[in-house]
Amino acid sequence: MKTQAKSIGLIMLFSLVLLGGCGQKGPLYLPDGEEQKNAQQR
């Protein structure tokens, strides 16, 4: 019974972590100083 509860808990935690990334927008890197200056001028 305990192992089943642990399994369900791990599956739920894993699902929340995966779903936490949904909806994140923007570049997947930190912009360099040059690109950051261009973005501020717009």
PDB file of N, CA and C in Angstrom:
ATOM      1  N   MET A   1       0.833  -1.203   0.000  1.00  0.00           N
ATOM      2  CA  MET A   1       0.000   0.000   0.000  1.00  0.00           C
ATOM      3  C   MET A   1       0.873   1.261   0.000  1.00  0.00           C
ATOM      4  N   LYS A   2       1.942   1.226   0.819  1.00  0.00           N
ATOM      5  CA  LYS A   2       2.808   2.402   0.865  1.00  0.00           C
ATOM      6  C   LYS A   2       3.530   2.629  -0.453  1.00  0.00           C
ATOM      7  N   THR A   3       3.946   1.549  -1.096  1.00  0.00           N
ATOM      8  CA  THR A   3       4.649   1.713  -2.364  1.00  0.00           C
ATOM      9  C   THR A   3       3.728   2.274  -3.440  1.00  0.00           C
ATOM     10  N   GLN A   4       2.449   1.913  -3.375  1.00  0.00           N
ATOM     11  CA  GLN A   4       1.495   2.450  -4.341  1.00  0.00           C
ATOM     12  C   GLN A   4       1.315   3.948  -4.116  1.00  0.00           C
ATOM     13  N   ALA A   5       1.245   4.371  -2.870  1.00  0.00           N
ATOM     14  CA  ALA A   5       1.105   5.797  -2.566  1.00  0.00           C
ATOM     15  C   ALA A   5       2.347   6.561  -2.994  1.00  0.00           C
ATOM     16  N   LYS A   6       3.526   5.964  -2.804  1.00  0.00           N
ATOM     17  CA  LYS A   6       4.765   6.611  -3.241  1.00  0.00           C
ATOM     18  C   LYS A   6       4.796   6.748  -4.753  1.00  0.00           C
ATOM     19  N   SER A   7       4.370   5.703  -5.440  1.00  0.00           N
ATOM     20  CA  SER A   7       4.360   5.732  -6.903  1.00  0.00           C
ATOM     21  C   SER A   7       3.426   6.816  -7.419  1.00  0.00           C
ATOM     22  N   ILE A   8       2.253   6.892  -6.844  1.00  0.00           N
ATOM     23  CA  ILE A   8       1.292   7.918  -7.260  1.00  0.00           C
ATOM     24  C   ILE A   8       1.850   9.309  -6.970  1.00  0.00           C
ATOM     25  N   GLY A   9       2.470   9.476  -5.824  1.00  0.00           N
ATOM     26  CA  GLY A   9       3.074  10.765  -5.477  1.00  0.00           C
ATOM     27  C   GLY A   9       4.175  11.155  -6.442  1.00  0.00           C
ATOM     28  N   LEU A  10       5.030  10.202  -6.803  1.00  0.00           N
ATOM     29  CA  LEU A  10       6.111  10.493  -7.752  1.00  0.00           C
ATOM     30  C   LEU A  10       5.569  10.828  -9.132  1.00  0.00           C
ATOM     31  N   ILE A  11       4.548  10.122  -9.558  1.00  0.00           N
ATOM     32  CA  ILE A  11       3.949  10.402 -10.867  1.00  0.00           C
ATOM     33  C   ILE A  11       3.333  11.806 -10.872  1.00  0.00           C
ATOM     34  N   MET A  12       2.658  12.152  -9.809  1.00  0.00           N
ATOM     35  CA  MET A  12       2.042  13.493  -9.730  1.00  0.00           C
ATOM     36  C   MET A  12       3.115  14.576  -9.706  1.00  0.00           C
ATOM     37  N   LEU A  13       4.174  14.365  -8.948  1.00  0.00           N
ATOM     38  CA  LEU A  13       5.261  15.346  -8.879  1.00  0.00           C
ATOM     39  C   LEU A  13       5.916  15.507 -10.246  1.00  0.00           C
ATOM     40  N   PHE A  14       6.181  14.405 -10.908  1.00  0.00           N
ATOM     41  CA  PHE A  14       6.784  14.436 -12.237  1.00  0.00           C
ATOM     42  C   PHE A  14       5.876  15.177 -13.223  1.00  0.00           C
ATOM     43  N   SER A  15       4.575  14.931 -13.143  1.00  0.00           N
ATOM     44  CA  SER A  15       3.624  15.602 -14.028  1.00  0.00           C
ATOM     45  C   SER A  15       3.607  17.105 -13.779  1.00  0.00           C
ATOM     46  N   LEU A  16       3.643  17.503 -12.523  1.00  0.00           N
ATOM     47  CA  LEU A  16       3.649  18.934 -12.207  1.00  0.00           C
ATOM     48  C   LEU A  16       4.902  19.620 -12.725  1.00  0.00           C
ATOM     49  N   VAL A  17       6.032  18.942 -12.617  1.00  0.00           N
ATOM     50  CA  VAL A  17       7.283  19.520 -13.124  1.00  0.00           C
ATOM     51  C   VAL A  17       7.210  19.688 -14.635  1.00  0.00           C
ATOM     52  N   LEU A  18       6.688  18.689 -15.332  1.00  0.00           N
ATOM     53  CA  LEU A  18       6.571  18.790 -16.785  1.00  0.00           C
ATOM     54  C   LEU A  18       5.598  19.888 -17.190  1.00  0.00           C
ATOM     55  N   LEU A  19       4.466  19.964 -16.512  1.00  0.00           N
ATOM     56  CA  LEU A  19       3.467  20.967 -16.853  1.00  0.00           C
ATOM     57  C   LEU A  19       3.892  22.376 -16.444  1.00  0.00           C
ATOM     58  N   GLY A  20       4.818  22.470 -15.516  1.00  0.00           N
ATOM     59  CA  GLY A  20       5.303  23.784 -15.083  1.00  0.00           C
ATOM     60  C   GLY A  20       6.008  24.536 -16.195  1.00  0.00           C
ATOM     61  N   GLY A  21       6.556  23.824 -17.162  1.00  0.00           N
ATOM     62  CA  GLY A  21       7.244  24.458 -18.276  1.00  0.00           C
ATOM     63  C   GLY A  21       6.306  24.944 -19.363  1.00  0.00           C
ATOM     64  N   CYS A  22       5.062  24.525 -19.349  1.00  0.00           N
ATOM     65  CA  CYS A  22       4.104  24.933 -20.379  1.00  0.00           C
ATOM     66  C   CYS A  22       3.800  26.429 -20.254  1.00  0.00           C
ATOM     67  N   GLY A  23       3.781  27.101 -21.359  1.00  0.00           N
ATOM     68  CA  GLY A  23       3.431  28.512 -21.353  1.00  0.00           C
ATOM     69  C   GLY A  23       4.620  29.437 -21.167  1.00  0.00           C
ATOM     70  N   GLN A  24       5.801  28.896 -20.961  1.00  0.00           N
ATOM     71  CA  GLN A  24       6.984  29.733 -20.823  1.00  0.00           C
ATOM     72  C   GLN A  24       7.346  30.250 -22.210  1.00  0.00           C
ATOM     73  N   LYS A  25       7.522  31.547 -22.315  1.00  0.00           N
ATOM     74  CA  LYS A  25       7.822  32.140 -23.614  1.00  0.00           C
ATOM     75  C   LYS A  25       9.149  32.872 -23.553  1.00  0.00           C
ATOM     76  N   GLY A  26       9.667  33.164 -24.703  1.00  0.00           N
ATOM     77  CA  GLY A  26      10.904  33.911 -24.781  1.00  0.00           C
ATOM     78  C   GLY A  26      12.082  33.011 -25.113  1.00  0.00           C
ATOM     79  N   PRO A  27      13.226  33.623 -25.271  1.00  0.00           N
ATOM     80  CA  PRO A  27      14.412  32.855 -25.651  1.00  0.00           C
ATOM     81  C   PRO A  27      14.854  31.925 -24.525  1.00  0.00           C
ATOM     82  N   LEU A  28      15.494  30.842 -24.895  1.00  0.00           N
ATOM     83  CA  LEU A  28      15.965  29.877 -23.920  1.00  0.00           C
ATOM     84  C   LEU A  28      17.423  30.128 -23.554  1.00  0.00           C
ATOM     85  N   TYR A  29      17.883  31.361 -23.734  1.00  0.00           N
ATOM     86  CA  TYR A  29      19.249  31.715 -23.396  1.00  0.00           C
ATOM     87  C   TYR A  29      19.258  33.129 -22.833  1.00  0.00           C
ATOM     88  N   LEU A  30      20.312  33.457 -22.139  1.00  0.00           N
ATOM     89  CA  LEU A  30      20.468  34.819 -21.640  1.00  0.00           C
ATOM     90  C   LEU A  30      21.048  35.671 -22.758  1.00  0.00           C
ATOM     91  N   PRO A  31      20.421  36.799 -23.071  1.00  0.00           N
ATOM     92  CA  PRO A  31      20.936  37.628 -24.160  1.00  0.00           C
ATOM     93  C   PRO A  31      22.281  38.252 -23.791  1.00  0.00           C
ATOM     94  N   ASP A  32      23.128  38.430 -24.804  1.00  0.00           N
ATOM     95  CA  ASP A  32      24.408  39.103 -24.595  1.00  0.00           C
ATOM     96  C   ASP A  32      24.156  40.583 -24.367  1.00  0.00           C
ATOM     97  N   GLY A  33      25.173  41.309 -23.979  1.00  0.00           N
ATOM     98  CA  GLY A  33      25.044  42.735 -23.721  1.00  0.00           C
ATOM     99  C   GLY A  33      24.573  43.492 -24.952  1.00  0.00           C
ATOM    100  N   GLU A  34      25.087  43.128 -26.128  1.00  0.00           N
ATOM    101  CA  GLU A  34      24.727  43.806 -27.377  1.00  0.00           C
ATOM    102  C   GLU A  34      23.242  43.604 -27.692  1.00  0.00           C
ATOM    103  N   GLU A  35      22.758  42.389 -27.569  1.00  0.00           N
ATOM    104  CA  GLU A  35      21.348  42.117 -27.849  1.00  0.00           C
ATOM    105  C   GLU A  35      20.446  42.771 -26.822  1.00  0.00           C
ATOM    106  N   GLN A  36      20.907  42.856 -25.604  1.00  0.00           N
ATOM    107  CA  GLN A  36      20.112  43.462 -24.544  1.00  0.00           C
ATOM    108  C   GLN A  36      19.951  44.969 -24.802  1.00  0.00           C
ATOM    109  N   LYS A  37      21.009  45.614 -25.310  1.00  0.00           N
ATOM    110  CA  LYS A  37      20.931  47.046 -25.616  1.00  0.00           C
ATOM    111  C   LYS A  37      19.939  47.292 -26.746  1.00  0.00           C
ATOM    112  N   ASN A  38      19.952  46.416 -27.747  1.00  0.00           N
ATOM    113  CA  ASN A  38      19.018  46.553 -28.869  1.00  0.00           C
ATOM    114  C   ASN A  38      17.572  46.384 -28.411  1.00  0.00           C
ATOM    115  N   ALA A  39      17.338  45.485 -27.496  1.00  0.00           N
ATOM    116  CA  ALA A  39      15.991  45.245 -27.001  1.00  0.00           C
ATOM    117  C   ALA A  39      15.478  46.446 -26.202  1.00  0.00           C
ATOM    118  N   GLN A  40      16.369  47.115 -25.490  1.00  0.00           N
ATOM    119  CA  GLN A  40      15.967  48.264 -24.681  1.00  0.00           C
ATOM    120  C   GLN A  40      15.646  49.475 -25.556  1.00  0.00           C
ATOM    121  N   GLN A  41      16.269  49.579 -26.733  1.00  0.00           N
ATOM    122  CA  GLN A  41      16.053  50.725 -27.611  1.00  0.00           C
ATOM    123  C   GLN A  41      14.702  50.644 -28.321  1.00  0.00           C
ATOM    124  N   ARG A  42      14.118  49.478 -28.409  1.00  0.00           N
ATOM    125  CA  ARG A  42      12.838  49.319 -29.122  1.00  0.00           C
ATOM    126  C   ARG A  42      11.684  49.831 -28.364  1.00  0.00           C
TER     127      ARG A  42
END
